[in-house]
């Protein structure tokens, strides 16, 4: 069994275990630290070719991991950023936290789905039964109506887990992958969650000593290929052309609607950046909690369709 086949809970445990193994002065830490230090020294000395050679050493490790077919592309991108910043353990922790959050989201969604499903089933089965009892519908018609009413309901119930699995595994065509980000409400949640990971990337790069423009560029490059990636790259271009990061963030509308807590006197720019990242994450959690409560009730939107099927048989 490949790691692609592991469940959400198992992948969370996997990356937690990787983080525990990575903690401390392991051989991997020393190798990545040397490559990172060499790359930064070469960049400061304007030795572009030498810097590219050090970066290629990290790419070689990622290429070997990719050949093994054990990690998703976005996981490898995050891990590569961890190698470049010397914070591979922190990246493992973040990926593990992602799978724990995803597991909690799906568990809560299943729990909140119970009552809407019961209501839907009572209507789907109840109307044909009433028709049979009143003599306005045959048994065959009633069975056919139940079957026709169940098909879209089953598809709707399975839509979220099927979309998540196909999206994560790369089965979903690129146009549909992009379309998911334009769905009302849910698209905003996905965009906000991508922004959280981008800001987390940025924090790691700044802590590793990257300049702001380098940090923005590397953070954007290591994001998954979604509609949000172009917005992150646009933010990098705006700052590289002279805009302040705070002003560019406001203009990009990446953090629109996020309430940033006030900072104490003497707080540094890094403190502000961490506070912003935390605020974006909390907004993601709040939106996810809302949609786990709201999405199951979308099932009841099929009730007019069920009523129409049974009225057609009268």
Protein backbone atom coordinates (compact mmCIF):
# COMPACT_ATOMS: atom_id res chain seq x y z
CA UNK A 1 0.00 0.00 0.00
CA UNK A 2 1.37 3.42 -0.98
CA UNK A 3 1.08 6.44 1.28
CA UNK A 4 -1.41 7.87 -1.25
CA UNK A 5 -3.84 5.25 0.06
CA UNK A 6 -3.61 6.35 3.70
CA UNK A 7 -6.62 7.96 5.31
CA UNK A 8 -6.67 11.51 6.65
CA UNK A 9 -6.07 10.28 10.21
CA UNK A 10 -3.17 8.08 9.14
CA UNK A 11 -1.51 10.91 7.21
CA UNK A 12 -1.80 13.15 10.25
CA UNK A 13 -0.01 10.50 12.33
CA UNK A 14 2.57 10.01 9.59
CA UNK A 15 3.63 13.67 9.49
CA UNK A 16 3.57 13.92 13.28
CA UNK A 17 5.97 10.97 13.40
CA UNK A 18 8.18 12.58 10.73
CA UNK A 19 8.28 15.77 12.78
CA UNK A 20 9.36 13.89 15.90
CA UNK A 21 12.14 12.14 13.97
CA UNK A 22 13.25 15.43 12.43
CA UNK A 23 13.52 17.25 15.76
CA UNK A 24 17.11 17.69 16.88
CA UNK A 25 20.44 17.66 15.11
CA UNK A 26 19.73 14.93 12.59
CA UNK A 27 21.84 14.30 9.51
CA UNK A 28 19.05 15.77 7.36
CA UNK A 29 19.13 18.98 9.40
CA UNK A 30 22.87 19.34 8.91
CA UNK A 31 22.73 18.65 5.17
CA UNK A 32 19.88 21.08 4.54
CA UNK A 33 21.47 23.72 6.76
CA UNK A 34 24.71 23.55 4.75
CA UNK A 35 22.87 23.76 1.43
CA UNK A 36 20.77 26.66 2.67
CA UNK A 37 23.77 28.54 4.06
CA UNK A 38 25.72 28.04 0.83
CA UNK A 39 22.80 29.25 -1.25
CA UNK A 40 22.34 32.40 0.84
CA UNK A 41 26.06 33.24 0.79
CA UNK A 42 26.16 32.80 -2.99
CA UNK A 43 23.09 35.01 -3.43
CA UNK A 44 24.60 37.78 -1.29
CA UNK A 45 27.78 37.60 -3.38
CA UNK A 46 25.72 37.77 -6.60
CA UNK A 47 26.97 34.33 -7.66
CA UNK A 48 23.75 33.19 -9.27
CA UNK A 49 25.12 29.99 -10.81
CA UNK A 50 26.53 28.79 -7.49
CA UNK A 51 23.30 29.61 -5.68
CA UNK A 52 21.39 27.59 -8.27
CA UNK A 53 23.69 24.60 -7.65
CA UNK A 54 22.94 24.66 -3.93
CA UNK A 55 19.22 24.96 -4.67
CA UNK A 56 19.51 22.04 -7.10
CA UNK A 57 20.74 19.86 -4.22
CA UNK A 58 17.41 20.36 -2.49
CA UNK A 59 15.56 19.74 -5.76
CA UNK A 60 17.39 16.43 -6.10
CA UNK A 61 16.07 15.24 -2.74
CA UNK A 62 12.52 16.25 -3.71
CA UNK A 63 12.82 14.52 -7.08
CA UNK A 64 13.80 11.27 -5.38
CA UNK A 65 10.86 11.55 -2.98
CA UNK A 66 8.53 12.27 -5.89
CA UNK A 67 9.68 9.15 -7.73
CA UNK A 68 8.72 7.08 -4.71
CA UNK A 69 5.08 8.11 -5.17
CA UNK A 70 4.63 8.45 -1.42
CA UNK A 71 3.76 12.14 -1.13
CA UNK A 72 1.39 14.49 -2.88
CA UNK A 73 2.90 17.29 -4.94
CA UNK A 74 1.73 20.01 -2.57
CA UNK A 75 3.26 18.16 0.38
CA UNK A 76 6.59 17.98 -1.46
CA UNK A 77 6.41 21.71 -2.20
CA UNK A 78 5.86 22.47 1.47
CA UNK A 79 8.70 20.12 2.43
CA UNK A 80 11.03 21.78 -0.05
CA UNK A 81 10.34 25.13 1.59
CA UNK A 82 11.09 23.50 4.95
CA UNK A 83 14.44 22.35 3.59
CA UNK A 84 15.24 25.80 2.22
CA UNK A 85 14.43 27.50 5.53
CA UNK A 86 15.79 24.87 7.91
CA UNK A 87 12.32 24.39 9.38
CA UNK A 88 11.36 20.99 8.00
CA UNK A 89 9.99 19.91 11.37
CA UNK A 90 7.67 22.95 11.45
CA UNK A 91 6.41 22.07 7.97
CA UNK A 92 5.74 18.48 9.03
CA UNK A 93 3.77 19.83 12.00
CA UNK A 94 1.74 22.10 9.73
CA UNK A 95 0.88 19.30 7.30
CA UNK A 96 -0.12 17.06 10.23
CA UNK A 97 -2.31 19.88 11.60
CA UNK A 98 -3.90 20.21 8.15
CA UNK A 99 -4.95 16.58 8.14
CA UNK A 100 -6.24 16.79 11.71
CA UNK A 101 -8.34 19.84 10.77
CA UNK A 102 -9.61 18.10 7.63
CA UNK A 103 -10.54 15.01 9.65
CA UNK A 104 -12.40 17.11 12.22
CA UNK A 105 -14.22 18.96 9.42
CA UNK A 106 -15.42 15.71 7.81
CA UNK A 107 -16.42 14.18 11.16
CA UNK A 108 -18.49 17.24 12.06
CA UNK A 109 -20.02 17.28 8.58
CA UNK A 110 -21.12 13.66 8.92
CA UNK A 111 -22.58 14.35 12.37
CA UNK A 112 -24.57 17.37 11.18
CA UNK A 113 -25.79 15.45 8.14
CA UNK A 114 -27.89 13.02 10.19
CA UNK A 115 -30.99 15.17 10.77
CA UNK A 116 -31.29 16.52 7.18
CA UNK A 117 -30.92 12.96 5.85
CA UNK A 118 -33.69 11.71 8.15
CA UNK A 119 -35.99 14.53 7.04
CA UNK A 120 -35.18 13.90 3.40
CA UNK A 121 -35.76 10.14 3.67
CA UNK A 122 -39.07 10.64 5.44
CA UNK A 123 -40.29 12.77 2.55
CA UNK A 124 -38.77 10.58 -0.19
CA UNK A 125 -40.41 7.45 1.23
CA UNK A 126 -43.44 9.06 2.84
CA UNK A 127 -44.98 10.67 -0.25
CA UNK A 128 -44.99 7.45 -2.36
CA UNK A 129 -46.35 5.45 0.59
CA UNK A 130 -49.19 7.94 0.99
CA UNK A 131 -49.89 7.65 -2.74
CA UNK A 132 -50.10 3.86 -2.51
CA UNK A 133 -52.35 3.98 0.57
CA UNK A 134 -54.68 6.46 -1.11
CA UNK A 135 -54.78 4.36 -4.28
CA UNK A 136 -53.43 7.15 -6.50
CA UNK A 137 -50.15 5.37 -7.19
CA UNK A 138 -49.13 1.78 -7.94
CA UNK A 139 -46.42 -0.07 -6.06
CA UNK A 140 -44.17 0.05 -9.12
CA UNK A 141 -44.66 3.80 -9.49
CA UNK A 142 -43.92 4.31 -5.80
CA UNK A 143 -40.71 2.27 -5.98
CA UNK A 144 -39.62 4.17 -9.10
CA UNK A 145 -40.28 7.51 -7.46
CA UNK A 146 -38.22 6.55 -4.41
CA UNK A 147 -35.34 5.49 -6.65
CA UNK A 148 -35.48 8.68 -8.75
CA UNK A 149 -35.61 10.84 -5.65
CA UNK A 150 -32.67 9.07 -4.00
CA UNK A 151 -30.20 9.41 -6.91
CA UNK A 152 -29.54 13.20 -6.68
CA UNK A 153 -29.63 13.04 -2.89
CA UNK A 154 -26.95 10.36 -2.78
CA UNK A 155 -24.83 12.33 -5.26
CA UNK A 156 -25.17 15.49 -3.17
CA UNK A 157 -24.26 13.68 0.05
CA UNK A 158 -21.19 12.15 -1.59
CA UNK A 159 -20.14 15.36 -3.36
CA UNK A 160 -17.92 16.75 -0.58
CA UNK A 161 -15.88 13.61 0.23
CA UNK A 162 -15.61 12.68 -3.46
CA UNK A 163 -14.41 16.19 -4.34
CA UNK A 164 -11.84 16.15 -1.54
CA UNK A 165 -10.48 12.75 -2.54
CA UNK A 166 -10.34 13.55 -6.26
CA UNK A 167 -8.84 16.99 -5.63
CA UNK A 168 -6.13 15.66 -3.32
CA UNK A 169 -5.31 12.73 -5.60
CA UNK A 170 -5.17 14.84 -8.76
CA UNK A 171 -8.09 13.06 -10.45
CA UNK A 172 -10.12 16.26 -10.77
CA UNK A 173 -9.44 18.06 -14.11
CA UNK A 174 -7.69 21.41 -13.76
CA UNK A 175 -10.71 23.51 -14.90
CA UNK A 176 -12.89 21.88 -12.23
CA UNK A 177 -10.15 22.30 -9.62
CA UNK A 178 -10.16 26.01 -10.35
CA UNK A 179 -13.96 26.19 -10.41
CA UNK A 180 -14.12 24.94 -6.81
CA UNK A 181 -12.53 28.22 -5.70
CA UNK A 182 -15.39 30.16 -7.28
CA UNK A 183 -18.17 28.37 -5.40
CA UNK A 184 -20.20 30.74 -3.17
CA UNK A 185 -18.97 30.68 0.41
CA UNK A 186 -16.89 27.51 0.15
CA UNK A 187 -14.59 29.13 -2.41
CA UNK A 188 -13.85 31.93 0.04
CA UNK A 189 -13.01 29.38 2.74
CA UNK A 190 -10.56 27.61 0.43
CA UNK A 191 -8.98 30.91 -0.63
CA UNK A 192 -8.57 31.97 3.00
CA UNK A 193 -6.99 28.65 3.91
CA UNK A 194 -4.51 29.01 1.05
CA UNK A 195 -3.67 32.49 2.36
CA UNK A 196 -2.97 31.01 5.79
CA UNK A 197 -0.43 28.58 4.32
CA UNK A 198 1.14 31.36 2.23
CA UNK A 199 1.59 33.55 5.32
CA UNK A 200 2.99 30.57 7.22
CA UNK A 201 5.50 30.05 4.40
CA UNK A 202 6.36 33.74 4.63
CA UNK A 203 6.98 33.49 8.37
CA UNK A 204 9.42 30.60 7.88
CA UNK A 205 11.32 32.45 5.14
CA UNK A 206 11.64 35.67 7.14
CA UNK A 207 12.78 33.75 10.24
CA UNK A 208 15.42 32.03 8.08
CA UNK A 209 16.88 35.39 7.08
CA UNK A 210 15.41 35.81 3.61
CA UNK A 211 14.76 39.35 2.41
CA UNK A 212 11.09 40.32 2.12
CA UNK A 213 11.09 39.99 -1.67
CA UNK A 214 12.89 36.62 -1.55
CA UNK A 215 10.50 35.41 1.14
CA UNK A 216 7.46 36.43 -0.91
CA UNK A 217 8.83 34.79 -4.05
CA UNK A 218 9.72 31.50 -2.37
CA UNK A 219 6.45 31.41 -0.43
CA UNK A 220 4.40 31.90 -3.59
CA UNK A 221 6.40 29.36 -5.61
CA UNK A 222 5.83 26.63 -3.02
CA UNK A 223 2.06 27.00 -3.00
CA UNK A 224 -0.19 24.47 -4.81
CA UNK A 225 -1.31 25.24 -8.34
CA UNK A 226 -4.64 26.93 -7.59
CA UNK A 227 -6.19 30.26 -8.68
CA UNK A 228 -4.69 31.74 -5.51
CA UNK A 229 -1.10 31.17 -6.63
CA UNK A 230 -1.27 33.96 -9.22
CA UNK A 231 -2.49 36.35 -6.52
CA UNK A 232 0.45 35.45 -4.29
CA UNK A 233 2.85 36.00 -7.18
CA UNK A 234 1.18 39.36 -7.89
CA UNK A 235 1.81 40.33 -4.26
CA UNK A 236 5.49 39.47 -4.69
CA UNK A 237 5.70 41.55 -7.87
CA UNK A 238 4.07 44.55 -6.21
CA UNK A 239 6.55 44.49 -3.30
CA UNK A 240 9.52 43.91 -5.62
CA UNK A 241 8.46 47.02 -7.52
CA UNK A 242 8.62 49.18 -4.40
CA UNK A 243 5.29 48.78 -2.60
CA UNK A 244 5.25 48.20 1.15
CA UNK A 245 4.16 44.72 2.18
CA UNK A 246 1.32 46.01 4.39
CA UNK A 247 -0.04 48.22 1.60
CA UNK A 248 0.32 45.47 -1.00
CA UNK A 249 -1.54 43.03 1.24
CA UNK A 250 -4.42 45.46 1.62
CA UNK A 251 -4.59 46.08 -2.11
CA UNK A 252 -4.48 42.35 -2.88
CA UNK A 253 -7.61 41.82 -0.72
CA UNK A 254 -6.09 38.57 0.57
CA UNK A 255 -6.90 39.53 4.15
CA UNK A 256 -10.16 41.38 3.53
CA UNK A 257 -12.60 40.62 6.35
CA UNK A 258 -9.92 39.36 8.74
CA UNK A 259 -9.93 40.99 12.16
CA UNK A 260 -6.34 41.42 13.32
CA UNK A 261 -5.93 41.72 17.12
CA UNK A 262 -4.26 44.86 18.46
CA UNK A 263 -0.61 44.44 19.43
CA UNK A 264 1.09 45.53 22.61
CA UNK A 265 3.53 48.42 22.64
CA UNK A 266 6.97 47.41 21.43
CA UNK A 267 5.71 44.64 19.17
CA UNK A 268 7.94 43.93 16.20
CA UNK A 269 7.04 43.49 12.53
CA UNK A 270 7.49 39.74 13.00
CA UNK A 271 4.99 39.82 15.90
CA UNK A 272 2.50 41.59 13.64
CA UNK A 273 3.03 39.03 10.90
CA UNK A 274 2.50 36.12 13.29
CA UNK A 275 -0.63 37.78 14.68
CA UNK A 276 -1.98 38.22 11.16
CA UNK A 277 -1.29 34.57 10.32
CA UNK A 278 -3.07 33.47 13.48
CA UNK A 279 -6.06 35.72 12.71
CA UNK A 280 -6.34 34.26 9.19
CA UNK A 281 -6.21 30.73 10.63
CA UNK A 282 -8.93 31.49 13.19
CA UNK A 283 -11.09 32.93 10.41
CA UNK A 284 -10.61 29.67 8.47
CA UNK A 285 -11.68 27.62 11.48
CA UNK A 286 -14.75 29.81 12.01
CA UNK A 287 -15.77 29.53 8.35
CA UNK A 288 -15.22 25.76 8.37
CA UNK A 289 -17.40 25.43 11.49
CA UNK A 290 -20.16 27.43 9.79
CA UNK A 291 -20.11 25.32 6.64
CA UNK A 292 -20.14 22.02 8.54
CA UNK A 293 -23.45 23.23 10.03
CA UNK A 294 -24.88 24.81 6.87
CA UNK A 295 -23.89 22.44 4.07
CA UNK A 296 -25.95 19.42 5.24
CA UNK A 297 -29.14 21.49 5.02
CA UNK A 298 -28.54 22.06 1.31
CA UNK A 299 -29.90 18.54 0.94
CA UNK A 300 -33.39 19.89 1.61
CA UNK A 301 -33.15 21.95 -1.59
CA UNK A 302 -34.13 18.71 -3.35
CA UNK A 303 -37.57 18.60 -1.67
CA UNK A 304 -39.34 20.46 -4.53
CA UNK A 305 -37.81 17.94 -6.96
CA UNK A 306 -39.14 15.04 -4.84
CA UNK A 307 -42.61 16.63 -4.68
CA UNK A 308 -42.60 17.18 -8.47
CA UNK A 309 -41.74 13.50 -9.16
CA UNK A 310 -44.62 12.28 -7.01
CA UNK A 311 -47.06 14.87 -8.40
CA UNK A 312 -46.18 13.72 -11.93
CA UNK A 313 -47.26 10.16 -11.05
CA UNK A 314 -50.73 11.17 -9.88
